[in-house]
Structures are given as C-alpha cells and as structure tokens.
Amino acid sequence: MTARPTAGNTPDTLIILLGIALALVALSFLVPAGSFDVGLDAEGQPLPIALDSFQLSEEGPPGTALFRADPASIGFLNAPFEGLTSGGRHSAAVGIMAFLLIVGGAFGVILRTGCVDRGIRALINRTEKDPIVILPLLFGLFSLGGAIFGMSEETIAFVILLAPVIVRLGFDAITAVLVTFVASRVGFAASWMNPFNVAIAQGIADVELLSGAPFRMVMWVIFTLIGMSITVWWARKVKADPTCSPVHASDQAFRDSQGSTLAGGDFDWRDRLAILMILGGVVWVIWGVTARGYYIPEIATQFFTLGLVIGLLYWLPGNHRLSANEQAAAFRSGAAGLVPAVLVVGMAAGLVLLLGGTEPTQASVMNTILFAMASILGHLPEIVSAWLMFMVQAILNFLVPSGSGQAALTMPLMAPLGDLVGIQRQVTVLCFQLGDSLTNLIIPTSATLMGVLGAARIDWAVWARWILPFLGLYVAMALGFIGIAVMIGYQ
C-alpha cells in the first residue's frame, strides 16, 4: 500500500521523483508547448480529442522557472506544495491523500484487533490432519486481502509467523511466501475494488469507481486458481523431496526453531462477528458505488465506519478487548503507514504541473508529449498499443513501487493518451493495475518484497530465479486479458 525506503543503496522513491522533476524541468526548455482543439457535442459535452487538432505554441519551449508564485505556471520549487494541494475532495491530489489516510487508519484498527490473525490460526488448526489443504485456502484468503484492501506490508508479519509452521509441516519457506506475499500480489493485480490501486486510478482517469468489476472478478478467479495450483504443485514436490528446494539449507533454522504463534487467544464469537462485518462492509461499498454512485469521499467514510464499528466491538469487555486509547494509537499507526504514499501522490501531482497540467486546450509541454506518443502508437493496432502501455507501467514500477504514487504519476498521461489512440480508459486503468502489480514479485526496489524475503531467509537472487517463470506466466495471462478487454471494448 505504501511507498517506503527501498532496499540496499537503491534511491528512495522521493529521490527518484526529484530526479524526474529535474529531468522535466530540463525538458521544458527543449520541448515547445502545444494544445488541442476540443469541440462540444449537441449536449455541450466535450468530444474525443482528435490528433489533427493539435497545434504548437508560437512562443516555443516555455521553460520552468526556479520559483514562480503563479498557480497557472508554477516554478520548480513550488511543485511540492502545489502538487500536495492540487485537485479537490473528489480527485487528485487532496482527495486521494485524505482517502489514503482515512482508509489506512481504519485498516490499522481492524488489523490491530487480531481477528484476521486468529482466524488464520483457527484455519490452520482445522486442517492439521491434511496440511496440504491449508495452502490453497491460505492463498485464497491472502489473494482476497490483496483484492479488497490492498494487503501488502502486512504480509511481512505473516511470513514471520507462518514460515516456521509451514516448514515444520514438511514444506519450505518459498511455500510460505507463495501463500502470503505472492497471493496478496496476485489479488492486488486482478482486484476489482482495491482502494489503493484500482479506485485511485479510476478516479484520476475519470472512470466510474468500481466499474468493470465483473471482468476483473473473472480475472481474479483465474489468477487465484492458477496461483493455488502452482503452490500445491510446488508444495507436493518439496514434500516428496525436501532437498529439491533451493532454500532447503536456510530452512534448517525454521526446522530447529520452536516456532511462533499468531495473535494469542481463541478465535471466538467476537472474531467471527468481526470477519462477518468486514465481508458486510465490502458488500456495502460495492452497493454504494453501483447503486448510489458513491465516490472517493463516501468510500472513505464507509471504510472509516467499518473500522469504527469493529473497534467498538472490541472495546466491549471480554477477551481480546482493546481500549479506546489502543484503538486511537492503531488508527494513527495505520494512517502514518500511508504517509509515504501520500507524499508520493502529492509529489507526483507536482510533476504533472511542471509539464503544464493536463488541460488539453491550454498550451503545455504535457500536450506535446501526448501528441508525440500518440503519433507513434496511433500507427499500431490498438491491442499492441495497450500492451505497450502495460510494459511502460511495469518498467516504471521498478522506479516507483508505490501503487497510489504510480497512479498519480502516470494516469494523467496515460488516460488521455489512450483517448488519442482509441483505447478505452477502463482498459488504460487495467494496463496500469496489472503493470504496477505483477513486477512487485521480483523488483529489488520493493521494500515489501525485500522485507518478506528477509523474514523468510531467502536470498533475492535465489528468489528471482525461482519466481521468474511464475512471473512470465502471469505476464502472458495479463497480456491475454488486456487483449480481450480491447477487443470487447471494455468499459
């Protein structure tokens, strides 16, 4: 969910954004501004932008000043503040940043109750007689977590807790990573309602929130079933011959350990009711968006309400009770975990402003870049253009691992670019979410991946060799779904 400092000596995401900002400033002295003519239909609504309506400004490259107190043409040093305060409550960046903080705080309370942890422990206890059964169940649960609320960093804790258990059941640490981190990434990639990925991208692209859900649900089911199958295949292989695992030696530490437990206490009536509330909250969000037209402010309120109600449930006397102060601390902690993502969203919005913004009728460097890219892609089949968009998003994910940050950075460019080359904005969002998510399985710039591998005692090079065929299969599947989406005019 969040953008955290990256592993090793890799530059932090904010440093990368600063470098991009400097490059854009240099670009503003080389590329002239341009604009499009946008006509109106009979109802006064803007018509699709036509490439042949583009025209260059006679003033040449605009250049970006170091400091300029003019909202219509900001300077380099103005970009952070202007980016953080741009937009409104329904769009980037202010609305999205508020959304991230509220939802992050609500999930902080829910996770602090331990109901999810105890639920997973209860599931493990019920399947001890046939441990292979637990693996697809865990994969499905973590995939659902990635799809519904963008589970990401939380998987580090689960790897710490589950790796010793899974290794002592006769499997290996790779299996533990598969059913936690990989499952959550698969769900994240194919999500139909992830508030930190799909919802933000759709909001920026001016696409109805949670629209196109049936197509994505089918994709999520297929992605998840494939992941389950691979996990069970690998687990059976390791069970039959533990030495075939590339992490067999490092797993000895888990075999020798006494293991760890999930959140203490039994999975009681309160936990069961909390899980039902979470499922009910998901249904409420889907109903609100589809039946009542709820948008970012209302969805944030729905998630806040869910966190508040579950918090009240655990405030009552009894087992697993959380005091009001503990819940307030959990809310602050959950929101604080999203602050890096909030900063990335704001900074990325500032980059867009450095290029002159996204208004097609106002002369800007952004419009000239859009025209140049569309002129190239316009000569290619729409499917190929969509595939290239996916590849661009996948490459950018190496630099900006934050999903919400990448959405803020790329969607203002990709959405109108898709318009120019005849690709539906829903397809553009699909290219973003798949490109942004799948490469997180391997990129060393992902702090979450490196944290998971550290918890599982797996060297990155070993993991990269193992996961590469798995990633290749999912990339092929992603290209297939994107192709289908283009052919059916996915909206």
Protein backbone atom coordinates (compact mmCIF):
# COMPACT_ATOMS: atom_id res chain seq x y z
CA MET A 1 0.00 0.00 0.00
CA THR A 2 2.71 2.40 0.91
CA ALA A 3 5.89 3.83 -0.52
CA ARG A 4 8.74 3.10 1.86
CA PRO A 5 12.52 3.49 1.62
CA THR A 6 13.82 0.92 -0.82
CA ALA A 7 16.32 -1.82 -0.20
CA GLY A 8 20.09 -1.50 -0.10
CA ASN A 9 21.58 1.54 -1.77
CA THR A 10 18.67 1.98 -4.18
CA PRO A 11 17.47 5.59 -4.12
CA ASP A 12 14.33 6.32 -2.14
CA THR A 13 11.15 6.87 -4.14
CA LEU A 14 11.14 10.58 -3.27
CA ILE A 15 14.73 10.91 -4.53
CA ILE A 16 13.70 9.24 -7.77
CA LEU A 17 10.80 11.66 -8.12
CA LEU A 18 13.18 14.57 -7.52
CA GLY A 19 15.38 13.28 -10.34
CA ILE A 20 12.36 13.01 -12.62
CA ALA A 21 11.36 16.56 -11.69
CA LEU A 22 14.80 17.88 -12.69
CA ALA A 23 14.57 16.00 -15.99
CA LEU A 24 11.14 17.52 -16.66
CA VAL A 25 12.47 20.99 -15.93
CA ALA A 26 15.22 20.42 -18.50
CA LEU A 27 12.61 19.09 -20.93
CA SER A 28 10.57 22.26 -20.58
CA PHE A 29 13.47 24.22 -22.11
CA LEU A 30 13.67 21.86 -25.09
CA VAL A 31 10.07 20.91 -25.95
CA PRO A 32 7.58 23.55 -27.12
CA ALA A 33 4.13 23.74 -25.61
CA GLY A 34 1.08 22.64 -27.57
CA SER A 35 -2.67 22.35 -27.28
CA PHE A 36 -5.66 20.56 -28.77
CA ASP A 37 -8.95 21.94 -30.01
CA VAL A 38 -11.79 20.20 -28.20
CA GLY A 39 -15.24 20.52 -29.71
CA LEU A 40 -18.58 20.02 -27.98
CA ASP A 41 -21.44 17.73 -28.92
CA ALA A 42 -25.13 18.73 -29.13
CA GLU A 43 -25.46 18.38 -25.33
CA GLY A 44 -22.45 20.57 -24.65
CA GLN A 45 -20.18 17.69 -23.66
CA PRO A 46 -16.54 17.59 -24.87
CA LEU A 47 -15.90 15.45 -27.92
CA PRO A 48 -12.98 12.98 -28.05
CA ILE A 49 -9.66 14.71 -28.71
CA ALA A 50 -8.51 14.43 -32.31
CA LEU A 51 -4.80 14.19 -33.15
CA ASP A 52 -5.17 16.52 -36.15
CA SER A 53 -6.41 19.29 -33.85
CA PHE A 54 -3.01 19.63 -32.20
CA GLN A 55 -1.11 22.87 -32.68
CA LEU A 56 2.21 24.11 -31.31
CA SER A 57 2.53 27.37 -29.43
CA GLU A 58 4.33 30.10 -31.35
CA GLU A 59 6.26 31.07 -28.23
CA GLY A 60 8.47 27.96 -28.29
CA PRO A 61 9.63 25.98 -25.23
CA PRO A 62 8.14 27.61 -22.12
CA GLY A 63 10.92 26.76 -19.67
CA THR A 64 10.30 26.28 -15.96
CA ALA A 65 11.42 28.95 -13.53
CA LEU A 66 13.15 28.08 -10.27
CA PHE A 67 10.45 29.89 -8.30
CA ARG A 68 7.22 31.38 -9.60
CA ALA A 69 4.29 32.32 -7.39
CA ASP A 70 1.75 31.82 -10.14
CA PRO A 71 -0.61 28.79 -9.92
CA ALA A 72 -1.09 28.89 -13.68
CA SER A 73 2.65 28.39 -14.29
CA ILE A 74 4.49 27.06 -11.26
CA GLY A 75 8.23 27.01 -10.64
CA PHE A 76 10.39 24.04 -9.74
CA LEU A 77 10.46 24.88 -6.03
CA ASN A 78 6.68 25.43 -5.98
CA ALA A 79 5.95 21.92 -7.26
CA PRO A 80 5.81 20.03 -3.91
CA PHE A 81 3.29 22.40 -2.31
CA GLU A 82 1.24 22.90 -5.47
CA GLY A 83 1.13 19.14 -6.03
CA LEU A 84 0.07 18.41 -2.45
CA THR A 85 -2.74 20.97 -2.64
CA SER A 86 -3.94 20.30 -6.19
CA GLY A 87 -7.32 18.83 -7.04
CA GLY A 88 -10.34 18.64 -4.78
CA ARG A 89 -12.17 16.27 -2.49
CA HIS A 90 -13.25 14.13 -5.45
CA SER A 91 -9.89 13.84 -7.21
CA ALA A 92 -6.09 14.11 -7.01
CA ALA A 93 -4.30 15.09 -5.02
CA VAL A 94 -6.07 16.39 -1.88
CA GLY A 95 -9.00 13.98 -2.09
CA ILE A 96 -6.81 10.96 -2.75
CA MET A 97 -4.41 11.81 0.06
CA ALA A 98 -7.26 12.22 2.54
CA PHE A 99 -8.72 8.95 1.29
CA LEU A 100 -5.42 7.11 1.88
CA LEU A 101 -5.05 8.43 5.43
CA ILE A 102 -8.63 7.61 6.46
CA VAL A 103 -8.67 4.13 4.94
CA GLY A 104 -5.18 3.37 6.27
CA GLY A 105 -6.27 4.33 9.77
CA ALA A 106 -9.41 2.21 9.57
CA PHE A 107 -7.48 -0.86 8.46
CA GLY A 108 -4.93 -0.15 11.21
CA VAL A 109 -7.69 -0.62 13.80
CA ILE A 110 -9.07 -3.74 12.12
CA LEU A 111 -5.67 -5.43 11.91
CA ARG A 112 -4.79 -4.38 15.47
CA THR A 113 -7.77 -6.35 16.82
CA GLY A 114 -6.03 -9.56 15.71
CA CYS A 115 -9.24 -11.05 14.30
CA VAL A 116 -7.58 -11.82 10.96
CA ASP A 117 -4.54 -13.42 12.65
CA ARG A 118 -6.64 -15.60 14.91
CA GLY A 119 -8.87 -16.57 12.01
CA ILE A 120 -5.88 -17.84 10.06
CA ARG A 121 -4.60 -19.75 13.08
CA ALA A 122 -8.01 -21.37 13.51
CA LEU A 123 -7.94 -22.34 9.85
CA ILE A 124 -4.52 -23.96 10.26
CA ASN A 125 -5.66 -25.87 13.33
CA ARG A 126 -8.66 -27.27 11.48
CA THR A 127 -6.50 -28.71 8.67
CA GLU A 128 -3.62 -30.25 10.61
CA LYS A 129 -4.58 -33.79 9.57
CA ASP A 130 -4.04 -32.95 5.89
CA PRO A 131 -1.72 -29.89 5.85
CA ILE A 132 -1.71 -29.62 2.05
CA VAL A 133 -5.34 -28.46 2.27
CA ILE A 134 -4.37 -25.31 4.15
CA LEU A 135 -2.21 -23.99 1.32
CA PRO A 136 -4.89 -23.19 -1.29
CA LEU A 137 -7.13 -21.88 1.49
CA LEU A 138 -4.41 -19.51 2.69
CA PHE A 139 -3.61 -18.48 -0.88
CA GLY A 140 -7.27 -17.63 -1.48
CA LEU A 141 -7.56 -15.63 1.73
CA PHE A 142 -4.43 -13.56 1.10
CA SER A 143 -5.42 -13.04 -2.53
CA LEU A 144 -8.77 -11.77 -1.30
CA GLY A 145 -6.96 -9.47 1.12
CA GLY A 146 -4.90 -8.03 -1.73
CA ALA A 147 -8.00 -7.56 -3.87
CA ILE A 148 -10.19 -5.94 -1.20
CA PHE A 149 -7.87 -3.72 0.80
CA GLY A 150 -4.50 -3.91 -0.91
CA MET A 151 -2.76 -6.13 1.65
CA SER A 152 0.95 -5.62 1.16
CA GLU A 153 3.34 -4.77 4.03
CA GLU A 154 1.15 -6.80 6.40
CA THR A 155 2.39 -9.97 4.68
CA ILE A 156 5.85 -9.46 6.22
CA ALA A 157 4.42 -10.16 9.68
CA PHE A 158 2.52 -13.17 8.39
CA VAL A 159 5.67 -14.61 6.80
CA ILE A 160 7.45 -14.26 10.14
CA LEU A 161 4.57 -16.07 11.84
CA LEU A 162 3.79 -18.73 9.24
CA ALA A 163 7.19 -19.68 7.78
CA PRO A 164 8.26 -21.84 10.77
CA VAL A 165 4.86 -23.55 10.83
CA ILE A 166 4.81 -24.28 7.11
CA VAL A 167 8.43 -25.52 7.07
CA ARG A 168 7.78 -27.88 10.00
CA LEU A 169 4.74 -29.24 8.14
CA GLY A 170 7.21 -30.54 5.54
CA PHE A 171 7.19 -27.70 3.03
CA ASP A 172 9.64 -24.80 2.60
CA ALA A 173 9.93 -21.04 3.04
CA ILE A 174 9.13 -20.47 -0.63
CA THR A 175 5.75 -22.09 0.03
CA ALA A 176 5.22 -19.67 2.92
CA VAL A 177 5.98 -16.71 0.66
CA LEU A 178 3.67 -18.08 -2.03
CA VAL A 179 0.60 -18.33 0.21
CA THR A 180 1.15 -14.89 1.75
CA PHE A 181 3.05 -12.27 -0.25
CA VAL A 182 2.61 -13.76 -3.74
CA ALA A 183 -1.08 -14.44 -3.11
CA SER A 184 -1.63 -10.85 -1.99
CA ARG A 185 0.18 -9.55 -5.10
CA VAL A 186 -1.96 -11.73 -7.35
CA GLY A 187 -5.11 -10.41 -5.70
CA PHE A 188 -3.74 -6.86 -5.89
CA ALA A 189 -3.08 -7.23 -9.63
CA ALA A 190 -6.53 -8.60 -10.50
CA SER A 191 -8.53 -6.58 -7.98
CA TRP A 192 -11.92 -5.11 -8.78
CA MET A 193 -12.08 -2.78 -5.75
CA ASN A 194 -8.61 -2.22 -4.21
CA PRO A 195 -8.88 1.33 -2.74
CA PHE A 196 -5.13 1.95 -3.07
CA ASN A 197 -4.82 0.92 -6.70
CA VAL A 198 -7.93 0.48 -8.82
CA ALA A 199 -10.10 3.10 -7.12
CA ILE A 200 -7.39 5.78 -7.25
CA ALA A 201 -6.53 5.06 -10.88
CA GLN A 202 -10.18 5.12 -11.90
CA GLY A 203 -10.69 8.38 -10.01
CA ILE A 204 -7.75 10.05 -11.75
CA ALA A 205 -8.80 8.69 -15.14
CA ASP A 206 -12.35 9.97 -14.59
CA VAL A 207 -13.76 6.45 -14.80
CA GLU A 208 -16.73 5.47 -12.65
CA LEU A 209 -15.42 3.90 -9.44
CA LEU A 210 -15.60 0.09 -9.30
CA SER A 211 -16.95 -0.01 -12.85
CA GLY A 212 -15.93 -3.01 -14.93
CA ALA A 213 -15.97 -5.21 -11.81
CA PRO A 214 -17.38 -8.40 -13.43
CA PHE A 215 -14.48 -8.62 -15.90
CA ARG A 216 -11.94 -8.09 -13.13
CA MET A 217 -13.67 -10.64 -10.88
CA VAL A 218 -13.32 -13.29 -13.58
CA MET A 219 -9.66 -12.32 -13.94
CA TRP A 220 -9.17 -12.54 -10.17
CA VAL A 221 -10.69 -16.01 -10.00
CA ILE A 222 -8.47 -17.30 -12.83
CA PHE A 223 -5.33 -15.62 -11.46
CA THR A 224 -6.02 -17.01 -7.99
CA LEU A 225 -6.78 -20.55 -9.16
CA ILE A 226 -3.57 -20.63 -11.20
CA GLY A 227 -1.62 -19.42 -8.18
CA MET A 228 -3.22 -22.05 -5.96
CA SER A 229 -2.35 -24.78 -8.45
CA ILE A 230 1.29 -23.72 -8.67
CA THR A 231 1.53 -23.51 -4.88
CA VAL A 232 0.11 -27.01 -4.35
CA TRP A 233 2.35 -28.41 -7.13
CA TRP A 234 5.46 -26.94 -5.55
CA ALA A 235 4.45 -27.96 -2.02
CA ARG A 236 3.88 -31.59 -3.08
CA LYS A 237 7.25 -31.59 -4.85
CA VAL A 238 9.05 -30.32 -1.74
CA LYS A 239 7.13 -32.71 0.50
CA ALA A 240 8.28 -35.65 -1.63
CA ASP A 241 11.91 -34.45 -1.83
CA PRO A 242 12.82 -31.61 0.57
CA THR A 243 16.31 -31.33 -0.93
CA CYS A 244 14.87 -30.13 -4.26
CA SER A 245 14.07 -26.79 -2.64
CA PRO A 246 16.71 -24.11 -3.30
CA VAL A 247 16.17 -22.88 0.28
CA HIS A 248 16.47 -26.29 1.95
CA ALA A 249 19.66 -25.31 3.79
CA SER A 250 18.41 -21.93 5.03
CA ASP A 251 15.14 -23.55 6.15
CA GLN A 252 17.08 -25.50 8.78
CA ALA A 253 16.76 -22.50 11.08
CA PHE A 254 12.96 -22.82 10.92
CA ARG A 255 13.09 -26.57 11.45
CA ASP A 256 15.22 -26.05 14.56
CA SER A 257 13.09 -23.23 15.96
CA GLN A 258 10.25 -23.63 18.40
CA GLY A 259 8.01 -21.69 16.05
CA SER A 260 5.81 -18.74 16.69
CA THR A 261 2.12 -18.27 17.18
CA LEU A 262 -0.36 -15.90 15.70
CA ALA A 263 -2.29 -13.42 17.85
CA GLY A 264 -2.96 -15.01 21.22
CA GLY A 265 -6.27 -16.43 22.35
CA ASP A 266 -9.03 -18.43 20.71
CA PHE A 267 -10.99 -17.47 17.61
CA ASP A 268 -14.18 -16.58 19.48
CA TRP A 269 -17.62 -15.13 18.71
CA ARG A 270 -16.22 -11.61 18.61
CA ASP A 271 -13.69 -12.53 15.92
CA ARG A 272 -16.34 -14.33 13.89
CA LEU A 273 -18.62 -11.30 14.07
CA ALA A 274 -15.74 -9.01 13.04
CA ILE A 275 -14.99 -11.13 9.97
CA LEU A 276 -18.68 -11.02 9.03
CA MET A 277 -18.59 -7.23 9.48
CA ILE A 278 -15.62 -6.98 7.11
CA LEU A 279 -17.46 -9.01 4.48
CA GLY A 280 -20.58 -6.92 5.06
CA GLY A 281 -18.51 -3.77 4.68
CA VAL A 282 -17.22 -4.95 1.30
CA VAL A 283 -20.79 -5.60 0.15
CA TRP A 284 -21.81 -2.14 1.44
CA VAL A 285 -19.03 -0.44 -0.54
CA ILE A 286 -19.95 -2.30 -3.73
CA TRP A 287 -23.63 -1.44 -3.25
CA GLY A 288 -22.86 2.21 -2.55
CA VAL A 289 -20.78 2.62 -5.67
CA THR A 290 -23.05 0.69 -8.03
CA ALA A 291 -26.48 1.69 -6.67
CA ARG A 292 -25.89 5.11 -5.15
CA GLY A 293 -22.95 6.48 -7.11
CA TYR A 294 -20.63 6.80 -4.10
CA TYR A 295 -17.22 8.27 -4.88
CA ILE A 296 -13.95 8.82 -3.01
CA PRO A 297 -15.41 10.83 -0.07
CA GLU A 298 -18.23 8.35 0.52
CA ILE A 299 -16.00 5.27 0.18
CA ALA A 300 -13.53 6.72 2.68
CA THR A 301 -16.45 7.25 5.05
CA GLN A 302 -17.64 3.68 4.55
CA PHE A 303 -14.23 2.24 5.44
CA PHE A 304 -13.96 4.61 8.42
CA THR A 305 -17.36 3.42 9.62
CA LEU A 306 -16.26 -0.20 9.26
CA GLY A 307 -13.16 0.44 11.35
CA LEU A 308 -15.19 2.34 13.96
CA VAL A 309 -17.86 -0.36 14.32
CA ILE A 310 -15.29 -3.16 14.63
CA GLY A 311 -13.36 -1.01 17.08
CA LEU A 312 -16.48 -0.59 19.22
CA LEU A 313 -16.97 -4.35 19.14
CA TYR A 314 -13.51 -4.90 20.64
CA TRP A 315 -13.93 -2.04 23.11
CA LEU A 316 -16.60 -4.04 24.94
CA PRO A 317 -15.39 -6.04 27.99
CA GLY A 318 -14.25 -9.60 27.29
CA ASN A 319 -11.47 -11.47 25.51
CA HIS A 320 -9.21 -9.56 23.08
CA ARG A 321 -10.51 -6.23 24.40
CA LEU A 322 -8.86 -3.08 23.01
CA SER A 323 -9.12 0.13 24.98
CA ALA A 324 -10.13 3.38 23.29
CA ASN A 325 -6.55 4.67 23.58
CA GLU A 326 -5.15 1.50 21.98
CA GLN A 327 -7.55 1.88 19.09
CA ALA A 328 -6.67 5.54 18.65
CA ALA A 329 -3.00 4.56 18.54
CA ALA A 330 -3.78 1.85 15.98
CA PHE A 331 -5.63 4.37 13.82
CA ARG A 332 -2.69 6.79 13.97
CA SER A 333 -0.26 3.99 13.18
CA GLY A 334 -2.33 2.82 10.21
CA ALA A 335 -2.61 6.35 8.85
CA ALA A 336 1.10 7.01 9.49
CA GLY A 337 1.96 3.95 7.43
CA LEU A 338 0.31 5.66 4.46
CA VAL A 339 2.12 8.98 4.86
CA PRO A 340 4.94 7.92 2.47
CA ALA A 341 2.30 7.08 -0.14
CA VAL A 342 0.56 10.40 0.49
CA LEU A 343 3.81 12.28 -0.10
CA VAL A 344 4.45 10.33 -3.30
CA VAL A 345 0.95 11.14 -4.57
CA GLY A 346 1.46 14.84 -3.88
CA MET A 347 4.93 14.94 -5.40
CA ALA A 348 3.74 13.06 -8.49
CA ALA A 349 0.92 15.56 -8.91
CA GLY A 350 3.54 18.30 -8.77
CA LEU A 351 5.43 16.65 -11.64
CA VAL A 352 2.32 16.84 -13.80
CA LEU A 353 2.03 20.55 -13.01
CA LEU A 354 5.66 21.09 -14.01
CA LEU A 355 4.66 19.98 -17.50
CA GLY A 356 1.81 22.48 -17.59
CA GLY A 357 -1.03 20.29 -16.34
CA THR A 358 -3.45 18.06 -18.21
CA GLU A 359 -5.91 20.57 -19.68
CA PRO A 360 -5.91 19.78 -23.44
CA THR A 361 -6.96 23.26 -24.57
CA GLN A 362 -4.16 25.04 -22.68
CA ALA A 363 -0.70 25.09 -24.23
CA SER A 364 1.61 22.79 -22.27
CA VAL A 365 4.60 20.50 -22.67
CA MET A 366 2.36 17.65 -21.48
CA ASN A 367 0.14 18.04 -24.54
CA THR A 368 3.15 17.98 -26.85
CA ILE A 369 4.43 14.77 -25.22
CA LEU A 370 0.97 13.22 -25.55
CA PHE A 371 0.84 14.16 -29.22
CA ALA A 372 4.28 12.66 -29.89
CA MET A 373 3.49 9.39 -28.11
CA ALA A 374 0.06 9.12 -29.73
CA SER A 375 1.56 9.72 -33.16
CA ILE A 376 3.75 6.68 -32.64
CA LEU A 377 1.14 4.43 -31.07
CA GLY A 378 -1.54 5.59 -33.50
CA HIS A 379 0.14 3.62 -36.27
CA LEU A 380 -0.03 0.40 -34.26
CA PRO A 381 -3.01 -1.90 -33.66
CA GLU A 382 -4.94 -0.96 -30.52
CA ILE A 383 -4.01 -4.23 -28.82
CA VAL A 384 -0.31 -3.59 -29.38
CA SER A 385 -0.68 -0.04 -28.06
CA ALA A 386 -2.39 -1.37 -24.91
CA TRP A 387 0.35 -3.97 -24.44
CA LEU A 388 2.98 -1.24 -24.70
CA MET A 389 1.12 0.75 -22.04
CA PHE A 390 1.27 -2.31 -19.79
CA MET A 391 5.01 -2.66 -20.42
CA VAL A 392 5.61 1.01 -19.64
CA GLN A 393 3.75 0.67 -16.33
CA ALA A 394 5.75 -2.46 -15.49
CA ILE A 395 9.05 -0.70 -16.17
CA LEU A 396 8.03 2.39 -14.17
CA ASN A 397 7.21 0.12 -11.24
CA PHE A 398 10.94 -0.51 -10.82
CA LEU A 399 11.31 3.22 -10.08
CA VAL A 400 8.02 3.94 -8.27
CA PRO A 401 6.89 0.78 -6.40
CA SER A 402 4.02 2.64 -4.72
CA GLY A 403 0.74 1.79 -6.48
CA SER A 404 -1.01 5.00 -5.50
CA GLY A 405 2.08 7.03 -6.34
CA GLN A 406 2.44 5.43 -9.75
CA ALA A 407 -1.24 6.06 -10.44
CA ALA A 408 -0.81 9.75 -9.60
CA LEU A 409 2.31 9.91 -11.76
CA THR A 410 1.18 8.03 -14.86
CA MET A 411 -2.61 8.12 -15.14
CA PRO A 412 -2.76 11.86 -16.01
CA LEU A 413 -0.60 10.97 -19.01
CA MET A 414 -1.91 7.52 -19.91
CA ALA A 415 -5.64 8.27 -19.74
CA PRO A 416 -5.64 11.00 -22.41
CA LEU A 417 -3.03 9.06 -24.39
CA GLY A 418 -5.46 6.15 -24.53
CA ASP A 419 -8.15 8.54 -25.77
CA LEU A 420 -5.89 9.68 -28.59
CA VAL A 421 -5.12 6.16 -29.82
CA GLY A 422 -8.66 4.81 -29.37
CA ILE A 423 -8.20 2.79 -26.16
CA GLN A 424 -10.99 2.89 -23.59
CA ARG A 425 -9.98 4.47 -20.28
CA GLN A 426 -11.10 1.34 -18.45
CA VAL A 427 -8.52 -0.60 -20.47
CA THR A 428 -5.90 2.02 -19.61
CA VAL A 429 -6.66 1.50 -15.91
CA LEU A 430 -6.39 -2.27 -16.43
CA CYS A 431 -2.96 -1.83 -18.04
CA PHE A 432 -1.90 0.27 -15.06
CA GLN A 433 -3.07 -2.11 -12.34
CA LEU A 434 -1.52 -5.17 -13.98
CA GLY A 435 1.73 -3.45 -14.88
CA ASP A 436 2.01 -1.84 -11.46
CA SER A 437 1.36 -5.03 -9.53
CA LEU A 438 2.94 -8.08 -11.14
CA THR A 439 6.54 -6.87 -11.25
CA ASN A 440 6.39 -6.35 -7.48
CA LEU A 441 7.01 -10.10 -7.33
CA ILE A 442 10.63 -9.58 -8.36
CA ILE A 443 11.80 -5.95 -8.22
CA PRO A 444 14.51 -5.35 -5.57
CA THR A 445 13.29 -1.76 -5.19
CA SER A 446 10.18 -3.05 -3.40
CA ALA A 447 10.74 -2.66 0.33
CA THR A 448 7.89 -5.10 0.98
CA LEU A 449 9.41 -7.85 -1.16
CA MET A 450 12.83 -7.40 0.43
CA GLY A 451 11.22 -7.45 3.88
CA VAL A 452 9.33 -10.65 3.06
CA LEU A 453 12.46 -12.35 1.71
CA GLY A 454 14.39 -11.28 4.79
CA ALA A 455 11.73 -12.74 7.06
CA ALA A 456 11.76 -15.98 5.05
CA ARG A 457 15.58 -16.13 4.97
CA ILE A 458 15.58 -16.27 1.16
CA ASP A 459 18.31 -14.58 -0.87
CA TRP A 460 16.92 -12.27 -3.56
CA ALA A 461 18.94 -13.94 -6.35
CA VAL A 462 17.56 -17.36 -5.34
CA TRP A 463 14.04 -15.96 -5.25
CA ALA A 464 14.43 -14.20 -8.63
CA ARG A 465 15.49 -17.43 -10.35
CA TRP A 466 12.56 -19.33 -8.81
CA ILE A 467 9.84 -16.74 -9.41
CA LEU A 468 10.80 -15.70 -12.96
CA PRO A 469 8.85 -18.50 -14.76
CA PHE A 470 5.88 -17.83 -12.46
CA LEU A 471 6.05 -14.12 -13.32
CA GLY A 472 6.35 -14.91 -17.03
CA LEU A 473 3.15 -16.96 -16.90
CA TYR A 474 1.25 -14.14 -15.21
CA VAL A 475 2.58 -11.55 -17.66
CA ALA A 476 1.32 -13.72 -20.52
CA MET A 477 -2.06 -14.00 -18.81
CA ALA A 478 -2.14 -10.24 -18.26
CA LEU A 479 -1.45 -9.59 -21.95
CA GLY A 480 -4.23 -12.01 -22.81
CA PHE A 481 -6.78 -10.25 -20.60
CA ILE A 482 -5.71 -6.84 -21.92
CA GLY A 483 -6.16 -8.11 -25.47
CA ILE A 484 -9.64 -9.41 -24.66
CA ALA A 485 -10.51 -6.10 -22.98
CA VAL A 486 -9.51 -4.15 -26.11
CA MET A 487 -11.49 -6.47 -28.41
CA ILE A 488 -14.71 -6.27 -26.36
CA GLY A 489 -14.46 -2.51 -25.83
CA TYR A 490 -14.15 -2.94 -22.06
CA GLN A 491 -15.79 -0.04 -20.21
